[in-house]
Amino acid sequence: MSKSAVKTLVVVALVVLGVLTLFLRNQGYLTDTAASLTTAVLLVVAFGAYFVVERLYRKRKRVDS
């Protein structure tokens, strides 16, 4: 799978989790604090995932050479 496809899948998964968080908050299953913390964690994971994918593909490129 290409690097951009992996990045797209990661973004889609994180967006789905974000929408799920908002849905649970609107239904009253999460408090404001829990929803805020969850959103913050999702943002950190999104930024981290970008760099992880970059590093994995750089390593893979070196091994393939």
PDB file of N, CA and C in Angstrom:
ATOM      1  N   MET A   1       0.848  -1.167   0.000  1.00  0.00           N
ATOM      2  CA  MET A   1       0.000   0.000   0.000  1.00  0.00           C
ATOM      3  C   MET A   1       0.901   1.240   0.000  1.00  0.00           C
ATOM      4  N   SER A   2       0.488   2.252  -0.717  1.00  0.00           N
ATOM      5  CA  SER A   2       1.325   3.447  -0.825  1.00  0.00           C
ATOM      6  C   SER A   2       1.260   4.283   0.454  1.00  0.00           C
ATOM      7  N   LYS A   3       2.244   5.146   0.581  1.00  0.00           N
ATOM      8  CA  LYS A   3       2.333   5.991   1.774  1.00  0.00           C
ATOM      9  C   LYS A   3       1.111   6.901   1.887  1.00  0.00           C
ATOM     10  N   SER A   4       0.674   7.490   0.792  1.00  0.00           N
ATOM     11  CA  SER A   4      -0.479   8.386   0.865  1.00  0.00           C
ATOM     12  C   SER A   4      -1.764   7.622   1.186  1.00  0.00           C
ATOM     13  N   ALA A   5      -1.869   6.374   0.751  1.00  0.00           N
ATOM     14  CA  ALA A   5      -3.048   5.573   1.091  1.00  0.00           C
ATOM     15  C   ALA A   5      -3.087   5.279   2.587  1.00  0.00           C
ATOM     16  N   VAL A   6      -1.935   4.974   3.158  1.00  0.00           N
ATOM     17  CA  VAL A   6      -1.868   4.709   4.600  1.00  0.00           C
ATOM     18  C   VAL A   6      -2.229   5.967   5.376  1.00  0.00           C
ATOM     19  N   LYS A   7      -1.687   7.104   4.950  1.00  0.00           N
ATOM     20  CA  LYS A   7      -2.009   8.366   5.625  1.00  0.00           C
ATOM     21  C   LYS A   7      -3.499   8.669   5.528  1.00  0.00           C
ATOM     22  N   THR A   8      -4.097   8.414   4.374  1.00  0.00           N
ATOM     23  CA  THR A   8      -5.527   8.650   4.195  1.00  0.00           C
ATOM     24  C   THR A   8      -6.345   7.761   5.117  1.00  0.00           C
ATOM     25  N   LEU A   9      -5.971   6.491   5.221  1.00  0.00           N
ATOM     26  CA  LEU A   9      -6.688   5.583   6.118  1.00  0.00           C
ATOM     27  C   LEU A   9      -6.588   6.029   7.570  1.00  0.00           C
ATOM     28  N   VAL A  10      -5.416   6.496   7.975  1.00  0.00           N
ATOM     29  CA  VAL A  10      -5.233   6.977   9.347  1.00  0.00           C
ATOM     30  C   VAL A  10      -6.119   8.187   9.598  1.00  0.00           C
ATOM     31  N   VAL A  11      -6.148   9.118   8.651  1.00  0.00           N
ATOM     32  CA  VAL A  11      -6.973  10.320   8.807  1.00  0.00           C
ATOM     33  C   VAL A  11      -8.449   9.956   8.871  1.00  0.00           C
ATOM     34  N   VAL A  12      -8.896   9.066   8.004  1.00  0.00           N
ATOM     35  CA  VAL A  12     -10.304   8.655   8.007  1.00  0.00           C
ATOM     36  C   VAL A  12     -10.666   7.994   9.335  1.00  0.00           C
ATOM     37  N   ALA A  13      -9.802   7.127   9.835  1.00  0.00           N
ATOM     38  CA  ALA A  13     -10.072   6.464  11.115  1.00  0.00           C
ATOM     39  C   ALA A  13     -10.161   7.475  12.252  1.00  0.00           C
ATOM     40  N   LEU A  14      -9.266   8.456  12.264  1.00  0.00           N
ATOM     41  CA  LEU A  14      -9.293   9.459  13.327  1.00  0.00           C
ATOM     42  C   LEU A  14     -10.503  10.376  13.210  1.00  0.00           C
ATOM     43  N   VAL A  15     -10.929  10.685  11.995  1.00  0.00           N
ATOM     44  CA  VAL A  15     -12.140  11.490  11.812  1.00  0.00           C
ATOM     45  C   VAL A  15     -13.356  10.723  12.315  1.00  0.00           C
ATOM     46  N   VAL A  16     -13.417   9.438  12.018  1.00  0.00           N
ATOM     47  CA  VAL A  16     -14.532   8.611  12.508  1.00  0.00           C
ATOM     48  C   VAL A  16     -14.549   8.600  14.035  1.00  0.00           C
ATOM     49  N   LEU A  17     -13.383   8.458  14.658  1.00  0.00           N
ATOM     50  CA  LEU A  17     -13.326   8.490  16.122  1.00  0.00           C
ATOM     51  C   LEU A  17     -13.743   9.855  16.664  1.00  0.00           C
ATOM     52  N   GLY A  18     -13.373  10.925  15.975  1.00  0.00           N
ATOM     53  CA  GLY A  18     -13.787  12.264  16.387  1.00  0.00           C
ATOM     54  C   GLY A  18     -15.289  12.446  16.295  1.00  0.00           C
ATOM     55  N   VAL A  19     -15.882  11.974  15.211  1.00  0.00           N
ATOM     56  CA  VAL A  19     -17.338  12.063  15.051  1.00  0.00           C
ATOM     57  C   VAL A  19     -18.036  11.217  16.109  1.00  0.00           C
ATOM     58  N   LEU A  20     -17.498  10.044  16.396  1.00  0.00           N
ATOM     59  CA  LEU A  20     -18.060   9.198  17.444  1.00  0.00           C
ATOM     60  C   LEU A  20     -18.003   9.895  18.800  1.00  0.00           C
ATOM     61  N   THR A  21     -16.891  10.580  19.068  1.00  0.00           N
ATOM     62  CA  THR A  21     -16.756  11.334  20.317  1.00  0.00           C
ATOM     63  C   THR A  21     -17.825  12.412  20.415  1.00  0.00           C
ATOM     64  N   LEU A  22     -18.020  13.154  19.321  1.00  0.00           N
ATOM     65  CA  LEU A  22     -19.050  14.200  19.323  1.00  0.00           C
ATOM     66  C   LEU A  22     -20.443  13.610  19.505  1.00  0.00           C
ATOM     67  N   PHE A  23     -20.700  12.486  18.850  1.00  0.00           N
ATOM     68  CA  PHE A  23     -22.000  11.831  18.986  1.00  0.00           C
ATOM     69  C   PHE A  23     -22.252  11.408  20.431  1.00  0.00           C
ATOM     70  N   LEU A  24     -21.245  10.778  21.044  1.00  0.00           N
ATOM     71  CA  LEU A  24     -21.399  10.342  22.433  1.00  0.00           C
ATOM     72  C   LEU A  24     -21.586  11.529  23.366  1.00  0.00           C
ATOM     73  N   ARG A  25     -20.914  12.638  23.071  1.00  0.00           N
ATOM     74  CA  ARG A  25     -21.080  13.840  23.897  1.00  0.00           C
ATOM     75  C   ARG A  25     -22.496  14.381  23.758  1.00  0.00           C
ATOM     76  N   ASN A  26     -23.000  14.445  22.544  1.00  0.00           N
ATOM     77  CA  ASN A  26     -24.351  14.967  22.320  1.00  0.00           C
ATOM     78  C   ASN A  26     -25.421  14.071  22.928  1.00  0.00           C
ATOM     79  N   GLN A  27     -25.155  12.778  23.009  1.00  0.00           N
ATOM     80  CA  GLN A  27     -26.117  11.853  23.604  1.00  0.00           C
ATOM     81  C   GLN A  27     -26.030  11.829  25.123  1.00  0.00           C
ATOM     82  N   GLY A  28     -25.033  12.482  25.678  1.00  0.00           N
ATOM     83  CA  GLY A  28     -24.897  12.560  27.123  1.00  0.00           C
ATOM     84  C   GLY A  28     -24.070  11.454  27.745  1.00  0.00           C
ATOM     85  N   TYR A  29     -23.419  10.635  26.926  1.00  0.00           N
ATOM     86  CA  TYR A  29     -22.598   9.549  27.463  1.00  0.00           C
ATOM     87  C   TYR A  29     -21.225  10.036  27.922  1.00  0.00           C
ATOM     88  N   LEU A  30     -20.782  11.169  27.385  1.00  0.00           N
ATOM     89  CA  LEU A  30     -19.503  11.751  27.786  1.00  0.00           C
ATOM     90  C   LEU A  30     -19.737  13.141  28.364  1.00  0.00           C
ATOM     91  N   THR A  31     -18.974  13.483  29.377  1.00  0.00           N
ATOM     92  CA  THR A  31     -19.033  14.843  29.908  1.00  0.00           C
ATOM     93  C   THR A  31     -18.217  15.758  28.998  1.00  0.00           C
ATOM     94  N   ASP A  32     -18.337  17.059  29.222  1.00  0.00           N
ATOM     95  CA  ASP A  32     -17.549  18.011  28.431  1.00  0.00           C
ATOM     96  C   ASP A  32     -16.056  17.753  28.594  1.00  0.00           C
ATOM     97  N   THR A  33     -15.652  17.479  29.832  1.00  0.00           N
ATOM     98  CA  THR A  33     -14.233  17.249  30.105  1.00  0.00           C
ATOM     99  C   THR A  33     -13.734  16.004  29.380  1.00  0.00           C
ATOM    100  N   ALA A  34     -14.491  14.928  29.448  1.00  0.00           N
ATOM    101  CA  ALA A  34     -14.082  13.684  28.784  1.00  0.00           C
ATOM    102  C   ALA A  34     -14.022  13.870  27.269  1.00  0.00           C
ATOM    103  N   ALA A  35     -14.982  14.582  26.715  1.00  0.00           N
ATOM    104  CA  ALA A  35     -14.980  14.825  25.270  1.00  0.00           C
ATOM    105  C   ALA A  35     -13.785  15.686  24.870  1.00  0.00           C
ATOM    106  N   SER A  36     -13.465  16.681  25.679  1.00  0.00           N
ATOM    107  CA  SER A  36     -12.314  17.544  25.385  1.00  0.00           C
ATOM    108  C   SER A  36     -11.008  16.764  25.458  1.00  0.00           C
ATOM    109  N   LEU A  37     -10.873  15.931  26.485  1.00  0.00           N
ATOM    110  CA  LEU A  37      -9.660  15.118  26.616  1.00  0.00           C
ATOM    111  C   LEU A  37      -9.528  14.129  25.457  1.00  0.00           C
ATOM    112  N   THR A  38     -10.633  13.521  25.083  1.00  0.00           N
ATOM    113  CA  THR A  38     -10.610  12.570  23.974  1.00  0.00           C
ATOM    114  C   THR A  38     -10.208  13.262  22.677  1.00  0.00           C
ATOM    115  N   THR A  39     -10.753  14.441  22.445  1.00  0.00           N
ATOM    116  CA  THR A  39     -10.407  15.197  21.245  1.00  0.00           C
ATOM    117  C   THR A  39      -8.931  15.579  21.245  1.00  0.00           C
ATOM    118  N   ALA A  40      -8.424  15.992  22.394  1.00  0.00           N
ATOM    119  CA  ALA A  40      -7.002  16.345  22.495  1.00  0.00           C
ATOM    120  C   ALA A  40      -6.119  15.134  22.208  1.00  0.00           C
ATOM    121  N   VAL A  41      -6.488  13.985  22.753  1.00  0.00           N
ATOM    122  CA  VAL A  41      -5.717  12.758  22.512  1.00  0.00           C
ATOM    123  C   VAL A  41      -5.755  12.391  21.028  1.00  0.00           C
ATOM    124  N   LEU A  42      -6.919  12.523  20.400  1.00  0.00           N
ATOM    125  CA  LEU A  42      -7.024  12.216  18.972  1.00  0.00           C
ATOM    126  C   LEU A  42      -6.132  13.133  18.134  1.00  0.00           C
ATOM    127  N   LEU A  43      -6.051  14.401  18.503  1.00  0.00           N
ATOM    128  CA  LEU A  43      -5.176  15.328  17.778  1.00  0.00           C
ATOM    129  C   LEU A  43      -3.711  14.936  17.921  1.00  0.00           C
ATOM    130  N   VAL A  44      -3.310  14.573  19.133  1.00  0.00           N
ATOM    131  CA  VAL A  44      -1.923  14.161  19.363  1.00  0.00           C
ATOM    132  C   VAL A  44      -1.617  12.886  18.581  1.00  0.00           C
ATOM    133  N   VAL A  45      -2.543  11.950  18.593  1.00  0.00           N
ATOM    134  CA  VAL A  45      -2.354  10.700  17.847  1.00  0.00           C
ATOM    135  C   VAL A  45      -2.261  10.979  16.347  1.00  0.00           C
ATOM    136  N   ALA A  46      -3.062  11.906  15.853  1.00  0.00           N
ATOM    137  CA  ALA A  46      -3.027  12.241  14.424  1.00  0.00           C
ATOM    138  C   ALA A  46      -1.661  12.782  14.021  1.00  0.00           C
ATOM    139  N   PHE A  47      -1.124  13.711  14.802  1.00  0.00           N
ATOM    140  CA  PHE A  47       0.199  14.252  14.484  1.00  0.00           C
ATOM    141  C   PHE A  47       1.275  13.181  14.613  1.00  0.00           C
ATOM    142  N   GLY A  48       1.180  12.361  15.644  1.00  0.00           N
ATOM    143  CA  GLY A  48       2.156  11.289  15.830  1.00  0.00           C
ATOM    144  C   GLY A  48       2.105  10.270  14.707  1.00  0.00           C
ATOM    145  N   ALA A  49       0.903   9.930  14.267  1.00  0.00           N
ATOM    146  CA  ALA A  49       0.743   8.932  13.208  1.00  0.00           C
ATOM    147  C   ALA A  49       1.383   9.399  11.908  1.00  0.00           C
ATOM    148  N   TYR A  50       1.295  10.681  11.634  1.00  0.00           N
ATOM    149  CA  TYR A  50       1.917  11.217  10.419  1.00  0.00           C
ATOM    150  C   TYR A  50       3.417  10.926  10.419  1.00  0.00           C
ATOM    151  N   PHE A  51       4.071  11.212  11.536  1.00  0.00           N
ATOM    152  CA  PHE A  51       5.517  11.012  11.605  1.00  0.00           C
ATOM    153  C   PHE A  51       5.885   9.531  11.644  1.00  0.00           C
ATOM    154  N   VAL A  52       5.048   8.712  12.250  1.00  0.00           N
ATOM    155  CA  VAL A  52       5.303   7.265  12.273  1.00  0.00           C
ATOM    156  C   VAL A  52       5.242   6.700  10.857  1.00  0.00           C
ATOM    157  N   VAL A  53       4.233   7.101  10.097  1.00  0.00           N
ATOM    158  CA  VAL A  53       4.114   6.615   8.718  1.00  0.00           C
ATOM    159  C   VAL A  53       5.315   7.073   7.894  1.00  0.00           C
ATOM    160  N   GLU A  54       5.716   8.328   8.063  1.00  0.00           N
ATOM    161  CA  GLU A  54       6.892   8.831   7.335  1.00  0.00           C
ATOM    162  C   GLU A  54       8.136   8.000   7.663  1.00  0.00           C
ATOM    163  N   ARG A  55       8.348   7.737   8.938  1.00  0.00           N
ATOM    164  CA  ARG A  55       9.538   6.987   9.361  1.00  0.00           C
ATOM    165  C   ARG A  55       9.499   5.551   8.833  1.00  0.00           C
ATOM    166  N   LEU A  56       8.335   4.908   8.918  1.00  0.00           N
ATOM    167  CA  LEU A  56       8.229   3.531   8.432  1.00  0.00           C
ATOM    168  C   LEU A  56       8.529   3.439   6.944  1.00  0.00           C
ATOM    169  N   TYR A  57       8.025   4.387   6.173  1.00  0.00           N
ATOM    170  CA  TYR A  57       8.271   4.331   4.737  1.00  0.00           C
ATOM    171  C   TYR A  57       9.709   4.690   4.390  1.00  0.00           C
ATOM    172  N   ARG A  58      10.351   5.541   5.192  1.00  0.00           N
ATOM    173  CA  ARG A  58      11.770   5.821   4.965  1.00  0.00           C
ATOM    174  C   ARG A  58      12.597   4.570   5.229  1.00  0.00           C
ATOM    175  N   LYS A  59      12.279   3.861   6.337  1.00  0.00           N
ATOM    176  CA  LYS A  59      13.001   2.624   6.653  1.00  0.00           C
ATOM    177  C   LYS A  59      12.770   1.577   5.568  1.00  0.00           C
ATOM    178  N   ARG A  60      11.538   1.468   5.122  1.00  0.00           N
ATOM    179  CA  ARG A  60      11.207   0.486   4.096  1.00  0.00           C
ATOM    180  C   ARG A  60      11.949   0.792   2.799  1.00  0.00           C
ATOM    181  N   LYS A  61      12.066   2.075   2.480  1.00  0.00           N
ATOM    182  CA  LYS A  61      12.771   2.470   1.260  1.00  0.00           C
ATOM    183  C   LYS A  61      14.251   2.104   1.346  1.00  0.00           C
ATOM    184  N   ARG A  62      14.840   2.290   2.538  1.00  0.00           N
ATOM    185  CA  ARG A  62      16.250   1.939   2.729  1.00  0.00           C
ATOM    186  C   ARG A  62      16.463   0.434   2.603  1.00  0.00           C
ATOM    187  N   VAL A  63      15.547  -0.341   3.169  1.00  0.00           N
ATOM    188  CA  VAL A  63      15.676  -1.800   3.125  1.00  0.00           C
ATOM    189  C   VAL A  63      15.518  -2.300   1.693  1.00  0.00           C
ATOM    190  N   ASP A  64      14.600  -1.700   0.944  1.00  0.00           N
ATOM    191  CA  ASP A  64      14.374  -2.117  -0.444  1.00  0.00           C
ATOM    192  C   ASP A  64      15.542  -1.774  -1.357  1.00  0.00           C
ATOM    193  N   SER A  65      16.340  -0.785  -0.979  1.00  0.00           N
ATOM    194  CA  SER A  65      17.461  -0.357  -1.844  1.00  0.00           C
ATOM    195  C   SER A  65      18.586  -1.365  -1.836  1.00  0.00           C
TER     196      SER A  65
END
